[in-house]
Amino acid sequence: MPSYCNAKDVLPAELFAALQKYAAGMQLYVPCPDETRAAWGTRNGTRQGLEQRNHQIRRLYAEGVDLDEISRRFYLSRETVRKIVRGVRRKQDMISR
């Protein structure tokens, strides 16, 4: 999580005065421009970790391991495992069209 800074130390005086007029004492979030935003989970490795886990789940399913066993191994609900497996089928169907 980024650290906070005092707006007075960062903004030009005119902008700071306008900000005080409209949002004094409020906590504001100033998002990055769209072109500089990173996709969800790319900065901390979460996305890559989930993709690896989902790949393992799909591989086990393709090898014939049933959904209940996969859900036990990964501590996920059967429904979650089913969605992961079905998501791949949909992608494969779209590619084959």
Foldseek 3Di string as FASTA:
>chain_A
DDDDDDVVVPDDPVVVVVCCVPPNPHDDDDDDPPVPDDPPCPVPVPVVVVVVLLVVLLVVVVVPDDLVVSCVVVVHDSVVSVVSNVVVVVVVVVVVD
